[in-house]
C-alpha atoms as a PDB file:
ATOM      1  CA  UNK A   1     -74.200 105.077  73.239  1.00  0.00           C
ATOM      2  CA  UNK A   2     -70.982 103.180  73.719  1.00  0.00           C
ATOM      3  CA  UNK A   3     -70.503  99.993  71.798  1.00  0.00           C
ATOM      4  CA  UNK A   4     -67.842  97.409  72.573  1.00  0.00           C
ATOM      5  CA  UNK A   5     -67.271  95.235  69.771  1.00  0.00           C
ATOM      6  CA  UNK A   6     -66.939  91.454  69.820  1.00  0.00           C
ATOM      7  CA  UNK A   7     -64.107  90.659  67.466  1.00  0.00           C
ATOM      8  CA  UNK A   8     -64.979  87.005  66.887  1.00  0.00           C
ATOM      9  CA  UNK A   9     -66.775  85.949  63.712  1.00  0.00           C
ATOM     10  CA  UNK A  10     -70.467  85.693  63.774  1.00  0.00           C
ATOM     11  CA  UNK A  11     -70.370  82.013  63.284  1.00  0.00           C
ATOM     12  CA  UNK A  12     -68.137  81.512  66.101  1.00  0.00           C
ATOM     13  CA  UNK A  13     -70.132  83.738  68.584  1.00  0.00           C
ATOM     14  CA  UNK A  14     -73.422  81.677  67.658  1.00  0.00           C
ATOM     15  CA  UNK A  15     -71.482  78.445  69.005  1.00  0.00           C
ATOM     16  CA  UNK A  16     -71.058  80.155  72.628  1.00  0.00           C
ATOM     17  CA  UNK A  17     -74.491  80.235  74.269  1.00  0.00           C
ATOM     18  CA  UNK A  18     -73.197  82.954  76.845  1.00  0.00           C
ATOM     19  CA  UNK A  19     -72.717  85.276  74.354  1.00  0.00           C
ATOM     20  CA  UNK A  20     -76.253  84.993  72.695  1.00  0.00           C
ATOM     21  CA  UNK A  21     -78.117  87.217  74.893  1.00  0.00           C
ATOM     22  CA  UNK A  22     -76.078  90.069  74.109  1.00  0.00           C
ATOM     23  CA  UNK A  23     -75.027  90.255  70.538  1.00  0.00           C
ATOM     24  CA  UNK A  24     -72.805  93.496  70.062  1.00  0.00           C
ATOM     25  CA  UNK A  25     -71.904  93.278  66.495  1.00  0.00           C
ATOM     26  CA  UNK A  26     -71.008  96.706  65.396  1.00  0.00           C
ATOM     27  CA  UNK A  27     -68.948  97.736  62.886  1.00  0.00           C
ATOM     28  CA  UNK A  28     -68.418  94.871  60.738  1.00  0.00           C
ATOM     29  CA  UNK A  29     -69.600  95.728  57.000  1.00  0.00           C
ATOM     30  CA  UNK A  30     -68.049  92.731  55.402  1.00  0.00           C
ATOM     31  CA  UNK A  31     -69.722  90.104  57.419  1.00  0.00           C
ATOM     32  CA  UNK A  32     -73.384  91.654  57.037  1.00  0.00           C
ATOM     33  CA  UNK A  33     -73.178  92.253  53.124  1.00  0.00           C
ATOM     34  CA  UNK A  34     -76.084  94.760  53.554  1.00  0.00           C
ATOM     35  CA  UNK A  35     -78.473  92.685  55.616  1.00  0.00           C
ATOM     36  CA  UNK A  36     -79.071  90.926  58.862  1.00  0.00           C
ATOM     37  CA  UNK A  37     -79.614  87.180  57.190  1.00  0.00           C
ATOM     38  CA  UNK A  38     -76.024  86.352  58.119  1.00  0.00           C
ATOM     39  CA  UNK A  39     -77.353  86.203  61.675  1.00  0.00           C
ATOM     40  CA  UNK A  40     -80.953  85.969  61.363  1.00  0.00           C
ATOM     41  CA  UNK A  41     -82.014  83.068  59.040  1.00  0.00           C
ATOM     42  CA  UNK A  42     -83.855  79.665  59.223  1.00  0.00           C
ATOM     43  CA  UNK A  43     -80.817  77.889  60.304  1.00  0.00           C
ATOM     44  CA  UNK A  44     -79.691  80.150  63.189  1.00  0.00           C
ATOM     45  CA  UNK A  45     -83.182  81.497  64.476  1.00  0.00           C
ATOM     46  CA  UNK A  46     -83.487  78.490  67.152  1.00  0.00           C
ATOM     47  CA  UNK A  47     -80.275  79.520  68.638  1.00  0.00           C
ATOM     48  CA  UNK A  48     -81.535  83.216  69.232  1.00  0.00           C
ATOM     49  CA  UNK A  49     -84.237  82.527  71.552  1.00  0.00           C
ATOM     50  CA  UNK A  50     -82.264  83.767  74.636  1.00  0.00           C
ATOM     51  CA  UNK A  51     -81.458  87.115  72.790  1.00  0.00           C
ATOM     52  CA  UNK A  52     -81.991  90.381  74.642  1.00  0.00           C
ATOM     53  CA  UNK A  53     -79.620  92.773  72.947  1.00  0.00           C
ATOM     54  CA  UNK A  54     -78.727  93.296  69.484  1.00  0.00           C
ATOM     55  CA  UNK A  55     -76.143  96.188  68.036  1.00  0.00           C
ATOM     56  CA  UNK A  56     -75.279  96.281  64.295  1.00  0.00           C
ATOM     57  CA  UNK A  57     -74.406  99.798  64.634  1.00  0.00           C
ATOM     58  CA  UNK A  58     -72.343 101.220  61.772  1.00  0.00           C
ATOM     59  CA  UNK A  59     -72.195  98.310  59.341  1.00  0.00           C
ATOM     60  CA  UNK A  60     -73.606  99.488  55.957  1.00  0.00           C
ATOM     61  CA  UNK A  61     -76.686  97.712  56.595  1.00  0.00           C
ATOM     62  CA  UNK A  62     -79.650  98.603  54.123  1.00  0.00           C
ATOM     63  CA  UNK A  63     -82.147  95.778  54.957  1.00  0.00           C
ATOM     64  CA  UNK A  64     -83.250  95.334  58.287  1.00  0.00           C
ATOM     65  CA  UNK A  65     -86.380  93.294  57.513  1.00  0.00           C
ATOM     66  CA  UNK A  66     -85.107  90.199  58.952  1.00  0.00           C
ATOM     67  CA  UNK A  67     -85.546  91.513  62.539  1.00  0.00           C
ATOM     68  CA  UNK A  68     -89.201  90.727  62.724  1.00  0.00           C
ATOM     69  CA  UNK A  69     -88.114  86.836  62.925  1.00  0.00           C
ATOM     70  CA  UNK A  70     -86.753  87.830  66.340  1.00  0.00           C
ATOM     71  CA  UNK A  71     -90.694  87.823  67.585  1.00  0.00           C
ATOM     72  CA  UNK A  72     -90.218  84.538  69.524  1.00  0.00           C
ATOM     73  CA  UNK A  73     -86.723  85.612  71.189  1.00  0.00           C
ATOM     74  CA  UNK A  74     -86.397  87.721  74.397  1.00  0.00           C
ATOM     75  CA  UNK A  75     -85.258  90.808  72.425  1.00  0.00           C
ATOM     76  CA  UNK A  76     -85.540  94.156  74.401  1.00  0.00           C
ATOM     77  CA  UNK A  77     -83.028  96.383  72.572  1.00  0.00           C
ATOM     78  CA  UNK A  78     -82.008  97.035  69.420  1.00  0.00           C
ATOM     79  CA  UNK A  79     -79.303  99.416  67.810  1.00  0.00           C
ATOM     80  CA  UNK A  80     -79.228  99.834  63.866  1.00  0.00           C
ATOM     81  CA  UNK A  81     -77.748 103.443  64.120  1.00  0.00           C
ATOM     82  CA  UNK A  82     -75.438 104.776  61.493  1.00  0.00           C
ATOM     83  CA  UNK A  83     -76.576 102.627  58.656  1.00  0.00           C
ATOM     84  CA  UNK A  84     -78.124 103.815  55.459  1.00  0.00           C
ATOM     85  CA  UNK A  85     -81.309 102.302  56.259  1.00  0.00           C
ATOM     86  CA  UNK A  86     -84.310 104.266  54.523  1.00  0.00           C
ATOM     87  CA  UNK A  87     -87.187 102.663  56.164  1.00  0.00           C
ATOM     88  CA  UNK A  88     -88.560 100.619  59.088  1.00  0.00           C
ATOM     89  CA  UNK A  89     -90.479  97.480  58.244  1.00  0.00           C
ATOM     90  CA  UNK A  90     -93.906  97.693  59.486  1.00  0.00           C
ATOM     91  CA  UNK A  91     -93.848  93.947  60.555  1.00  0.00           C
ATOM     92  CA  UNK A  92     -91.315  94.998  63.267  1.00  0.00           C
ATOM     93  CA  UNK A  93     -94.242  95.568  65.351  1.00  0.00           C
ATOM     94  CA  UNK A  94     -94.283  91.876  66.067  1.00  0.00           C
ATOM     95  CA  UNK A  95     -91.534  92.555  68.505  1.00  0.00           C
ATOM     96  CA  UNK A  96     -93.799  93.015  71.454  1.00  0.00           C
ATOM     97  CA  UNK A  97     -91.110  92.186  73.912  1.00  0.00           C
ATOM     98  CA  UNK A  98     -88.925  95.283  72.455  1.00  0.00           C
ATOM     99  CA  UNK A  99     -88.145  98.254  74.792  1.00  0.00           C
ATOM    100  CA  UNK A 100     -85.461 100.187  73.297  1.00  0.00           C
ATOM    101  CA  UNK A 101     -85.083 100.688  69.449  1.00  0.00           C
ATOM    102  CA  UNK A 102     -82.213 103.062  68.336  1.00  0.00           C
ATOM    103  CA  UNK A 103     -81.632 104.264  64.908  1.00  0.00           C
ATOM    104  CA  UNK A 104     -79.855 107.286  65.001  1.00  0.00           C
ATOM    105  CA  UNK A 105     -77.991 108.788  61.950  1.00  0.00           C
ATOM    106  CA  UNK A 106     -80.069 106.724  59.453  1.00  0.00           C
ATOM    107  CA  UNK A 107     -82.066 107.893  56.258  1.00  0.00           C
ATOM    108  CA  UNK A 108     -85.304 107.413  57.271  1.00  0.00           C
ATOM    109  CA  UNK A 109     -87.612 110.003  55.896  1.00  0.00           C
ATOM    110  CA  UNK A 110     -91.220 111.030  56.335  1.00  0.00           C
ATOM    111  CA  UNK A 111     -93.443 109.891  59.253  1.00  0.00           C
ATOM    112  CA  UNK A 112     -92.312 108.285  62.297  1.00  0.00           C
ATOM    113  CA  UNK A 113     -92.363 104.563  61.400  1.00  0.00           C
ATOM    114  CA  UNK A 114     -95.850 103.065  62.114  1.00  0.00           C
ATOM    115  CA  UNK A 115     -94.295  99.717  63.168  1.00  0.00           C
ATOM    116  CA  UNK A 116     -93.547 101.408  66.818  1.00  0.00           C
ATOM    117  CA  UNK A 117     -97.347 101.539  67.315  1.00  0.00           C
ATOM    118  CA  UNK A 118     -97.482  97.857  67.645  1.00  0.00           C
ATOM    119  CA  UNK A 119     -94.876  97.507  70.173  1.00  0.00           C
ATOM    120  CA  UNK A 120     -96.502  97.373  73.333  1.00  0.00           C
ATOM    121  CA  UNK A 121     -93.572  97.388  75.452  1.00  0.00           C
ATOM    122  CA  UNK A 122     -91.699 100.071  73.852  1.00  0.00           C
ATOM    123  CA  UNK A 123     -90.091 102.590  76.259  1.00  0.00           C
ATOM    124  CA  UNK A 124     -87.409 104.228  74.192  1.00  0.00           C
ATOM    125  CA  UNK A 125     -87.176 105.454  70.650  1.00  0.00           C
ATOM    126  CA  UNK A 126     -84.126 107.229  69.406  1.00  0.00           C
ATOM    127  CA  UNK A 127     -84.028 108.460  65.621  1.00  0.00           C
ATOM    128  CA  UNK A 128     -81.958 111.679  65.809  1.00  0.00           C
ATOM    129  CA  UNK A 129     -80.113 112.671  62.549  1.00  0.00           C
ATOM    130  CA  UNK A 130     -82.772 111.027  60.193  1.00  0.00           C
ATOM    131  CA  UNK A 131     -85.140 113.041  57.880  1.00  0.00           C
ATOM    132  CA  UNK A 132     -88.471 112.600  59.880  1.00  0.00           C
ATOM    133  CA  UNK A 133     -91.106 115.422  59.104  1.00  0.00           C
ATOM    134  CA  UNK A 134     -94.186 114.582  61.217  1.00  0.00           C
ATOM    135  CA  UNK A 135     -95.724 112.045  63.564  1.00  0.00           C
ATOM    136  CA  UNK A 136     -99.422 110.721  63.368  1.00  0.00           C
ATOM    137  CA  UNK A 137    -101.469 112.407  66.136  1.00  0.00           C
ATOM    138  CA  UNK A 138    -104.166 109.681  65.776  1.00  0.00           C
ATOM    139  CA  UNK A 139    -101.770 106.920  66.693  1.00  0.00           C
ATOM    140  CA  UNK A 140     -99.145 108.550  68.877  1.00  0.00           C
ATOM    141  CA  UNK A 141    -101.202 107.839  72.016  1.00  0.00           C
ATOM    142  CA  UNK A 142    -100.927 104.086  71.457  1.00  0.00           C
ATOM    143  CA  UNK A 143     -97.203 104.392  72.839  1.00  0.00           C
ATOM    144  CA  UNK A 144     -98.498 104.095  76.413  1.00  0.00           C
ATOM    145  CA  UNK A 145     -95.151 102.896  77.941  1.00  0.00           C
ATOM    146  CA  UNK A 146     -92.961 105.226  76.163  1.00  0.00           C
ATOM    147  CA  UNK A 147     -90.575 107.172  78.426  1.00  0.00           C
ATOM    148  CA  UNK A 148     -87.883 108.859  75.954  1.00  0.00           C
ATOM    149  CA  UNK A 149     -88.563 110.206  72.547  1.00  0.00           C
ATOM    150  CA  UNK A 150     -85.458 111.565  70.817  1.00  0.00           C
ATOM    151  CA  UNK A 151     -85.816 112.786  67.557  1.00  0.00           C
ATOM    152  CA  UNK A 152     -83.190 115.502  67.503  1.00  0.00           C
ATOM    153  CA  UNK A 153     -81.794 116.785  64.094  1.00  0.00           C
ATOM    154  CA  UNK A 154     -84.725 115.835  61.844  1.00  0.00           C
ATOM    155  CA  UNK A 155     -87.106 117.968  59.823  1.00  0.00           C
ATOM    156  CA  UNK A 156     -90.164 117.897  62.258  1.00  0.00           C
ATOM    157  CA  UNK A 157     -92.391 120.926  61.789  1.00  0.00           C
ATOM    158  CA  UNK A 158     -95.031 120.238  64.416  1.00  0.00           C
ATOM    159  CA  UNK A 159     -95.557 117.807  67.667  1.00  0.00           C
ATOM    160  CA  UNK A 160     -98.761 115.974  67.852  1.00  0.00           C
ATOM    161  CA  UNK A 161    -101.087 117.239  70.533  1.00  0.00           C
ATOM    162  CA  UNK A 162    -101.836 113.670  71.774  1.00  0.00           C
ATOM    163  CA  UNK A 163     -97.881 113.441  72.956  1.00  0.00           C
ATOM    164  CA  UNK A 164     -99.616 114.904  75.848  1.00  0.00           C
ATOM    165  CA  UNK A 165    -101.326 111.964  76.552  1.00  0.00           C
ATOM    166  CA  UNK A 166     -98.219 109.790  76.752  1.00  0.00           C
ATOM    167  CA  UNK A 167     -98.324 109.801  80.789  1.00  0.00           C
ATOM    168  CA  UNK A 168     -94.976 107.753  80.747  1.00  0.00           C
ATOM    169  CA  UNK A 169     -93.109 109.931  78.743  1.00  0.00           C
ATOM    170  CA  UNK A 170     -90.216 111.535  80.769  1.00  0.00           C
ATOM    171  CA  UNK A 171     -87.797 112.914  78.038  1.00  0.00           C
ATOM    172  CA  UNK A 172     -88.904 114.792  74.778  1.00  0.00           C
ATOM    173  CA  UNK A 173     -85.895 115.779  72.520  1.00  0.00           C
ATOM    174  CA  UNK A 174     -86.475 117.429  69.492  1.00  0.00           C
ATOM    175  CA  UNK A 175     -83.694 119.980  69.112  1.00  0.00           C
ATOM    176  CA  UNK A 176     -82.700 121.077  65.655  1.00  0.00           C
ATOM    177  CA  UNK A 177     -86.026 120.441  64.055  1.00  0.00           C
ATOM    178  CA  UNK A 178     -88.139 123.041  62.237  1.00  0.00           C
ATOM    179  CA  UNK A 179     -90.886 123.437  64.946  1.00  0.00           C
ATOM    180  CA  UNK A 180     -92.603 126.781  64.989  1.00  0.00           C
ATOM    181  CA  UNK A 181     -94.752 126.081  68.447  1.00  0.00           C
ATOM    182  CA  UNK A 182     -95.361 123.372  70.918  1.00  0.00           C
ATOM    183  CA  UNK A 183     -98.952 122.327  71.732  1.00  0.00           C
ATOM    184  CA  UNK A 184     -99.701 123.574  75.390  1.00  0.00           C
ATOM    185  CA  UNK A 185    -101.216 120.141  76.217  1.00  0.00           C
ATOM    186  CA  UNK A 186     -97.784 118.596  76.048  1.00  0.00           C
ATOM    187  CA  UNK A 187     -96.725 120.925  79.089  1.00  0.00           C
ATOM    188  CA  UNK A 188     -99.540 119.402  81.206  1.00  0.00           C
ATOM    189  CA  UNK A 189     -97.960 115.812  81.193  1.00  0.00           C
ATOM    190  CA  UNK A 190     -96.920 115.459  84.886  1.00  0.00           C
ATOM    191  CA  UNK A 191     -94.067 113.038  83.994  1.00  0.00           C
ATOM    192  CA  UNK A 192     -92.402 114.935  81.340  1.00  0.00           C
ATOM    193  CA  UNK A 193     -89.383 116.047  83.276  1.00  0.00           C
ATOM    194  CA  UNK A 194     -86.806 116.874  80.341  1.00  0.00           C
ATOM    195  CA  UNK A 195     -88.004 118.824  77.206  1.00  0.00           C
ATOM    196  CA  UNK A 196     -85.303 120.119  75.059  1.00  0.00           C
ATOM    197  CA  UNK A 197     -86.259 121.868  71.794  1.00  0.00           C
ATOM    198  CA  UNK A 198     -84.365 124.466  69.486  1.00  0.00           C
ATOM    199  CA  UNK A 199     -84.475 125.595  66.106  1.00  0.00           C
ATOM    200  CA  UNK A 200     -82.253 123.992  63.242  1.00  0.00           C
ATOM    201  CA  UNK A 201     -80.446 127.248  62.847  1.00  0.00           C
ATOM    202  CA  UNK A 202     -76.635 128.594  62.843  1.00  0.00           C
ATOM    203  CA  UNK A 203     -77.864 131.814  64.542  1.00  0.00           C
ATOM    204  CA  UNK A 204     -79.532 132.433  67.588  1.00  0.00           C
ATOM    205  CA  UNK A 205     -81.253 135.449  66.338  1.00  0.00           C
ATOM    206  CA  UNK A 206     -83.528 133.106  64.573  1.00  0.00           C
ATOM    207  CA  UNK A 207     -84.286 131.302  67.739  1.00  0.00           C
ATOM    208  CA  UNK A 208     -87.694 129.680  67.917  1.00  0.00           C
ATOM    209  CA  UNK A 209     -89.474 130.823  71.027  1.00  0.00           C
ATOM    210  CA  UNK A 210     -92.522 129.438  72.787  1.00  0.00           C
ATOM    211  CA  UNK A 211     -94.634 130.995  75.344  1.00  0.00           C
ATOM    212  CA  UNK A 212     -96.306 127.952  77.463  1.00  0.00           C
ATOM    213  CA  UNK A 213     -98.377 128.650  80.220  1.00  0.00           C
ATOM    214  CA  UNK A 214     -95.983 129.433  83.294  1.00  0.00           C
ATOM    215  CA  UNK A 215     -98.279 127.014  85.526  1.00  0.00           C
ATOM    216  CA  UNK A 216     -97.786 124.302  83.354  1.00  0.00           C
ATOM    217  CA  UNK A 217     -94.156 124.971  82.781  1.00  0.00           C
ATOM    218  CA  UNK A 218     -93.334 124.681  86.499  1.00  0.00           C
ATOM    219  CA  UNK A 219     -94.333 120.853  86.235  1.00  0.00           C
ATOM    220  CA  UNK A 220     -90.957 120.480  83.938  1.00  0.00           C
ATOM    221  CA  UNK A 221     -87.726 119.912  85.664  1.00  0.00           C
ATOM    222  CA  UNK A 222     -85.772 120.708  82.591  1.00  0.00           C
ATOM    223  CA  UNK A 223     -86.464 122.555  79.709  1.00  0.00           C
ATOM    224  CA  UNK A 224     -84.087 123.841  77.100  1.00  0.00           C
ATOM    225  CA  UNK A 225     -85.192 126.485  74.467  1.00  0.00           C
ATOM    226  CA  UNK A 226     -81.744 127.454  72.903  1.00  0.00           C
ATOM    227  CA  UNK A 227     -80.145 127.546  69.481  1.00  0.00           C
ATOM    228  CA  UNK A 228     -77.550 124.834  68.972  1.00  0.00           C
ATOM    229  CA  UNK A 229     -75.212 123.954  66.047  1.00  0.00           C
ATOM    230  CA  UNK A 230     -74.792 120.276  67.099  1.00  0.00           C
ATOM    231  CA  UNK A 231     -77.726 117.948  68.801  1.00  0.00           C
ATOM    232  CA  UNK A 232     -77.084 114.636  70.522  1.00  0.00           C
ATOM    233  CA  UNK A 233     -79.321 112.596  72.856  1.00  0.00           C
ATOM    234  CA  UNK A 234     -78.680 112.807  76.326  1.00  0.00           C
END
């Protein structure tokens, strides 16, 4: 994702109403000082109502809890990628207008964050390059509007069968994980047109192979089952 940096200071940007809807504030660690409170605080929140896009990519941010205060804005896309974030606060579920959430190359471990299940309009989750290990099968079906799920280069050992119930899902990218099989029900999703999966290994002789029903497999327009040394979301 290409990020064009706004070179003005944050306090100057906030004085320009035309800039508020699309705040591309990447790569400015000195201004953030580890959190988003420089931007999202009681003094500024009334100015952020028109905000639709926020990028704080690669800014050495560790605390994104202030994002929940954007619940009364028009926020649709958030990019917190390449920051040393270890968790996604559960109260981010308040952001029910959010459509795209990017947190590639962070340090989030364990289960796919529960906050996503409360975001009723969420269409895209991109969390490649983290330390995720699993998804909650009992909750994953709540992501009814999800179109893209990119979890390349994590430590996921299995895919929840209820992913097959996500009828809006078009792209499932889980390359370079620890998968040993894919539930056949996932292949029955008629909207899934882009499925890419490979084992996290350097040698193709250790490739993880799958044997989906060929009739179900014909529903897919793109299926990659190859080894890869590097992974990226496309």
